[in-house]
C-alpha atoms as a PDB file:
ATOM      1  CA  MET A   1      -0.145   0.017   0.074  1.00  0.00           C
ATOM      2  CA  SER A   2       1.206   3.685  -0.650  1.00  0.00           C
ATOM      3  CA  ARG A   3       0.458   6.845   0.924  1.00  0.00           C
ATOM      4  CA  ILE A   4       0.497  10.436  -0.483  1.00  0.00           C
ATOM      5  CA  SER A   5       0.286  13.442   1.666  1.00  0.00           C
ATOM      6  CA  LYS A   6       0.375  16.995   0.203  1.00  0.00           C
ATOM      7  CA  SER A   7      -0.501  20.425   1.601  1.00  0.00           C
ATOM      8  CA  ALA A   8      -0.552  24.010   0.474  1.00  0.00           C
ATOM      9  CA  LEU A   9      -0.850  27.247   2.503  1.00  0.00           C
ATOM     10  CA  LEU A  10      -3.026  29.648   0.646  1.00  0.00           C
ATOM     11  CA  GLU A  11      -4.234  33.242   1.268  1.00  0.00           C
ATOM     12  CA  ALA A  12      -7.843  31.979   1.167  1.00  0.00           C
ATOM     13  CA  PRO A  13     -10.582  31.667   3.842  1.00  0.00           C
ATOM     14  CA  VAL A  14     -11.412  28.020   4.482  1.00  0.00           C
ATOM     15  CA  GLU A  15     -14.934  28.234   3.246  1.00  0.00           C
ATOM     16  CA  ILE A  16     -13.999  28.981  -0.241  1.00  0.00           C
ATOM     17  CA  ALA A  17     -11.065  26.475  -0.316  1.00  0.00           C
ATOM     18  CA  TYR A  18     -13.594  23.908   0.836  1.00  0.00           C
ATOM     19  CA  ARG A  19     -16.165  24.967  -1.856  1.00  0.00           C
ATOM     20  CA  VAL A  20     -13.837  24.443  -4.570  1.00  0.00           C
ATOM     21  CA  VAL A  21     -12.716  21.013  -3.474  1.00  0.00           C
ATOM     22  CA  ALA A  22     -16.387  20.144  -2.827  1.00  0.00           C
ATOM     23  CA  GLU A  23     -17.746  21.085  -6.276  1.00  0.00           C
ATOM     24  CA  VAL A  24     -16.879  17.802  -7.913  1.00  0.00           C
ATOM     25  CA  ARG A  25     -18.938  18.691 -11.054  1.00  0.00           C
ATOM     26  CA  ARG A  26     -16.495  21.520 -11.886  1.00  0.00           C
ATOM     27  CA  TYR A  27     -13.243  19.360 -11.624  1.00  0.00           C
ATOM     28  CA  PRO A  28     -13.183  19.038 -15.616  1.00  0.00           C
ATOM     29  CA  GLU A  29     -12.774  22.831 -15.907  1.00  0.00           C
ATOM     30  CA  PHE A  30      -9.350  22.821 -14.178  1.00  0.00           C
ATOM     31  CA  LEU A  31      -7.846  19.581 -13.232  1.00  0.00           C
ATOM     32  CA  PRO A  32      -5.398  18.146 -15.696  1.00  0.00           C
ATOM     33  CA  GLY A  33      -6.688  15.038 -17.377  1.00  0.00           C
ATOM     34  CA  CYS A  34     -10.084  15.018 -15.900  1.00  0.00           C
ATOM     35  CA  ARG A  35     -12.651  14.353 -18.767  1.00  0.00           C
ATOM     36  CA  THR A  36     -15.975  13.936 -17.075  1.00  0.00           C
ATOM     37  CA  VAL A  37     -17.651  13.800 -13.742  1.00  0.00           C
ATOM     38  CA  ALA A  38     -21.077  12.309 -13.003  1.00  0.00           C
ATOM     39  CA  ILE A  39     -22.742  12.431  -9.879  1.00  0.00           C
ATOM     40  CA  HIS A  40     -24.717   9.452  -8.968  1.00  0.00           C
ATOM     41  CA  LYS A  41     -25.921  10.313  -5.658  1.00  0.00           C
ATOM     42  CA  CYS A  42     -26.002  13.440  -3.652  1.00  0.00           C
ATOM     43  CA  GLU A  43     -27.775  13.208  -0.204  1.00  0.00           C
ATOM     44  CA  ASP A  44     -27.167  15.375   2.947  1.00  0.00           C
ATOM     45  CA  ASP A  45     -23.375  15.189   3.469  1.00  0.00           C
ATOM     46  CA  VAL A  46     -22.713  12.334   1.066  1.00  0.00           C
ATOM     47  CA  VAL A  47     -21.768  12.695  -2.604  1.00  0.00           C
ATOM     48  CA  GLU A  48     -21.112   9.627  -4.949  1.00  0.00           C
ATOM     49  CA  ALA A  49     -19.340  10.757  -8.123  1.00  0.00           C
ATOM     50  CA  LYS A  50     -17.795   8.974 -11.209  1.00  0.00           C
ATOM     51  CA  VAL A  51     -14.757  10.787 -12.309  1.00  0.00           C
ATOM     52  CA  THR A  52     -13.083   9.883 -15.850  1.00  0.00           C
ATOM     53  CA  VAL A  53      -9.550  10.765 -16.248  1.00  0.00           C
ATOM     54  CA  HIS A  54      -7.147  10.417 -19.328  1.00  0.00           C
ATOM     55  CA  GLY A  55      -3.523  10.313 -19.109  1.00  0.00           C
ATOM     56  CA  SER A  56      -0.514   8.552 -20.946  1.00  0.00           C
ATOM     57  CA  GLY A  57      -2.941   7.492 -23.856  1.00  0.00           C
ATOM     58  CA  MET A  58      -5.299   5.701 -21.286  1.00  0.00           C
ATOM     59  CA  THR A  59      -8.807   6.558 -19.892  1.00  0.00           C
ATOM     60  CA  TYR A  60      -9.659   5.425 -16.310  1.00  0.00           C
ATOM     61  CA  ALA A  61     -12.982   5.828 -14.603  1.00  0.00           C
ATOM     62  CA  PHE A  62     -13.403   5.497 -10.706  1.00  0.00           C
ATOM     63  CA  VAL A  63     -16.362   6.155  -8.439  1.00  0.00           C
ATOM     64  CA  THR A  64     -15.919   7.551  -4.827  1.00  0.00           C
ATOM     65  CA  LEU A  65     -18.147   8.082  -2.076  1.00  0.00           C
ATOM     66  CA  ASN A  66     -17.367  11.396  -0.496  1.00  0.00           C
ATOM     67  CA  THR A  67     -18.483  12.243   3.115  1.00  0.00           C
ATOM     68  CA  HIS A  68     -18.549  16.202   3.844  1.00  0.00           C
ATOM     69  CA  GLU A  69     -17.775  16.927   7.307  1.00  0.00           C
ATOM     70  CA  SER A  70     -16.783  20.319   9.072  1.00  0.00           C
ATOM     71  CA  HIS A  71     -13.568  21.395   7.513  1.00  0.00           C
ATOM     72  CA  ALA A  72     -12.942  17.856   5.818  1.00  0.00           C
ATOM     73  CA  ILE A  73     -14.049  15.759   3.151  1.00  0.00           C
ATOM     74  CA  LYS A  74     -13.330  11.912   3.332  1.00  0.00           C
ATOM     75  CA  MET A  75     -13.277   9.704   0.255  1.00  0.00           C
ATOM     76  CA  VAL A  76     -13.648   5.881  -0.235  1.00  0.00           C
ATOM     77  CA  LEU A  77     -13.324   4.166  -3.347  1.00  0.00           C
ATOM     78  CA  LYS A  78     -16.361   2.316  -4.669  1.00  0.00           C
ATOM     79  CA  GLU A  79     -15.068   0.954  -7.917  1.00  0.00           C
ATOM     80  CA  GLY A  80     -12.063   1.656 -10.314  1.00  0.00           C
ATOM     81  CA  PRO A  81      -8.561   0.910 -11.089  1.00  0.00           C
ATOM     82  CA  PHE A  82      -7.501   0.647  -7.400  1.00  0.00           C
ATOM     83  CA  ARG A  83      -7.489  -2.211  -5.254  1.00  0.00           C
ATOM     84  CA  ARG A  84      -7.901   0.122  -2.404  1.00  0.00           C
ATOM     85  CA  LEU A  85      -8.272   4.067  -2.227  1.00  0.00           C
ATOM     86  CA  GLU A  86      -9.241   6.112   0.601  1.00  0.00           C
ATOM     87  CA  GLY A  87      -8.448   9.649   1.834  1.00  0.00           C
ATOM     88  CA  ALA A  88      -9.353  12.945   3.089  1.00  0.00           C
ATOM     89  CA  TRP A  89      -9.197  16.531   2.320  1.00  0.00           C
ATOM     90  CA  SER A  90      -8.920  18.854   5.372  1.00  0.00           C
ATOM     91  CA  PHE A  91      -8.883  22.683   5.590  1.00  0.00           C
ATOM     92  CA  LYS A  92      -7.377  24.428   8.661  1.00  0.00           C
ATOM     93  CA  PRO A  93      -7.888  28.178   9.167  1.00  0.00           C
ATOM     94  CA  ILE A  94      -4.517  30.119   9.678  1.00  0.00           C
ATOM     95  CA  GLY A  95      -5.219  33.613  10.857  1.00  0.00           C
ATOM     96  CA  ASP A  96      -8.060  35.728   9.454  1.00  0.00           C
ATOM     97  CA  LEU A  97      -7.506  35.181   5.848  1.00  0.00           C
ATOM     98  CA  GLY A  98      -5.378  31.929   5.240  1.00  0.00           C
ATOM     99  CA  CYS A  99      -5.826  28.359   5.356  1.00  0.00           C
ATOM    100  CA  ARG A 100      -3.798  25.094   5.033  1.00  0.00           C
ATOM    101  CA  VAL A 101      -5.426  22.672   2.656  1.00  0.00           C
ATOM    102  CA  GLU A 102      -4.149  19.062   3.145  1.00  0.00           C
ATOM    103  CA  ILE A 103      -4.933  15.875   1.177  1.00  0.00           C
ATOM    104  CA  ASP A 104      -3.853  12.335   2.444  1.00  0.00           C
ATOM    105  CA  ILE A 105      -4.540   9.463   0.246  1.00  0.00           C
ATOM    106  CA  ASP A 106      -3.791   5.807   0.993  1.00  0.00           C
ATOM    107  CA  TYR A 107      -4.014   3.496  -2.252  1.00  0.00           C
ATOM    108  CA  GLU A 108      -3.056   0.475  -3.576  1.00  0.00           C
ATOM    109  CA  LEU A 109      -3.178  -0.090  -7.503  1.00  0.00           C
ATOM    110  CA  ALA A 110      -5.142  -3.162  -8.893  1.00  0.00           C
ATOM    111  CA  GLY A 111      -3.259  -5.978 -10.802  1.00  0.00           C
ATOM    112  CA  GLY A 112      -0.573  -4.996 -13.244  1.00  0.00           C
ATOM    113  CA  LEU A 113      -1.443  -1.372 -12.979  1.00  0.00           C
ATOM    114  CA  GLU A 114       1.112  -0.945 -10.156  1.00  0.00           C
ATOM    115  CA  ILE A 115       3.913  -1.670 -12.778  1.00  0.00           C
ATOM    116  CA  MET A 116       2.483   0.578 -15.324  1.00  0.00           C
ATOM    117  CA  LEU A 117       1.195   3.434 -13.282  1.00  0.00           C
ATOM    118  CA  GLY A 118       3.218   3.179 -10.011  1.00  0.00           C
ATOM    119  CA  GLY A 119       5.627   5.841 -10.795  1.00  0.00           C
ATOM    120  CA  MET A 120       2.864   8.332 -12.111  1.00  0.00           C
ATOM    121  CA  VAL A 121       0.687   8.469  -9.138  1.00  0.00           C
ATOM    122  CA  ARG A 122       3.085  10.970  -7.104  1.00  0.00           C
ATOM    123  CA  PRO A 123       3.597  13.466 -10.033  1.00  0.00           C
ATOM    124  CA  LEU A 124      -0.146  13.506 -10.816  1.00  0.00           C
ATOM    125  CA  ALA A 125      -0.917  14.138  -7.070  1.00  0.00           C
ATOM    126  CA  ASN A 126       1.409  17.049  -7.224  1.00  0.00           C
ATOM    127  CA  LYS A 127      -0.171  18.525 -10.276  1.00  0.00           C
ATOM    128  CA  MET A 128      -3.613  18.004  -8.833  1.00  0.00           C
ATOM    129  CA  VAL A 129      -2.779  19.901  -5.659  1.00  0.00           C
ATOM    130  CA  ASP A 130      -1.079  22.733  -7.758  1.00  0.00           C
ATOM    131  CA  ALA A 131      -4.449  22.672  -9.913  1.00  0.00           C
ATOM    132  CA  PHE A 132      -6.539  22.935  -6.869  1.00  0.00           C
ATOM    133  CA  SER A 133      -4.334  25.757  -5.354  1.00  0.00           C
ATOM    134  CA  ARG A 134      -4.818  27.761  -8.593  1.00  0.00           C
ATOM    135  CA  ARG A 135      -8.333  27.226  -8.753  1.00  0.00           C
ATOM    136  CA  ILE A 136      -8.805  28.379  -5.045  1.00  0.00           C
ATOM    137  CA  GLU A 137      -6.692  31.425  -5.682  1.00  0.00           C
ATOM    138  CA  ALA A 138      -8.856  32.351  -8.676  1.00  0.00           C
ATOM    139  CA  ALA A 139     -12.025  31.720  -6.563  1.00  0.00           C
ATOM    140  CA  VAL A 140     -10.763  34.258  -3.995  1.00  0.00           C
ATOM    141  CA  ALA A 141     -10.067  36.709  -6.690  1.00  0.00           C
ATOM    142  CA  GLY A 142     -13.509  36.405  -7.892  1.00  0.00           C
ATOM    143  CA  GLU A 143     -12.487  34.805 -11.368  1.00  0.00           C
ATOM    144  CA  VAL A 144     -14.496  31.605 -10.937  1.00  0.00           C
END
């Protein structure tokens, strides 16, 4: 099993950072390789979403169950190219105007995908955090 932990310090209120991450439908607008998002279920604090991504000439789809809590979003894989995937986004206020956004993911790729994709997961996670950071900054500036 592998683990990825990334964080970013942003000049953004927690509420805006949280909203950007929670708006799964908008991921194709800014996440590299994200092609489509379909919401299967949206009830109370739980969202089930199917995300289709394309990279390195291959397309993958996965479904996650996302539970929204105060200052956190937890995700668990329901189906996809992972044997296991679970993680959480957390949003911690820093002072009056800033926040620390963190993502922690535990995952295990299924079958032969570890050999093919194992070395790509960390660079993709870095790109993903960068893309979210830029999107949050754009939201603070009123650009999205």
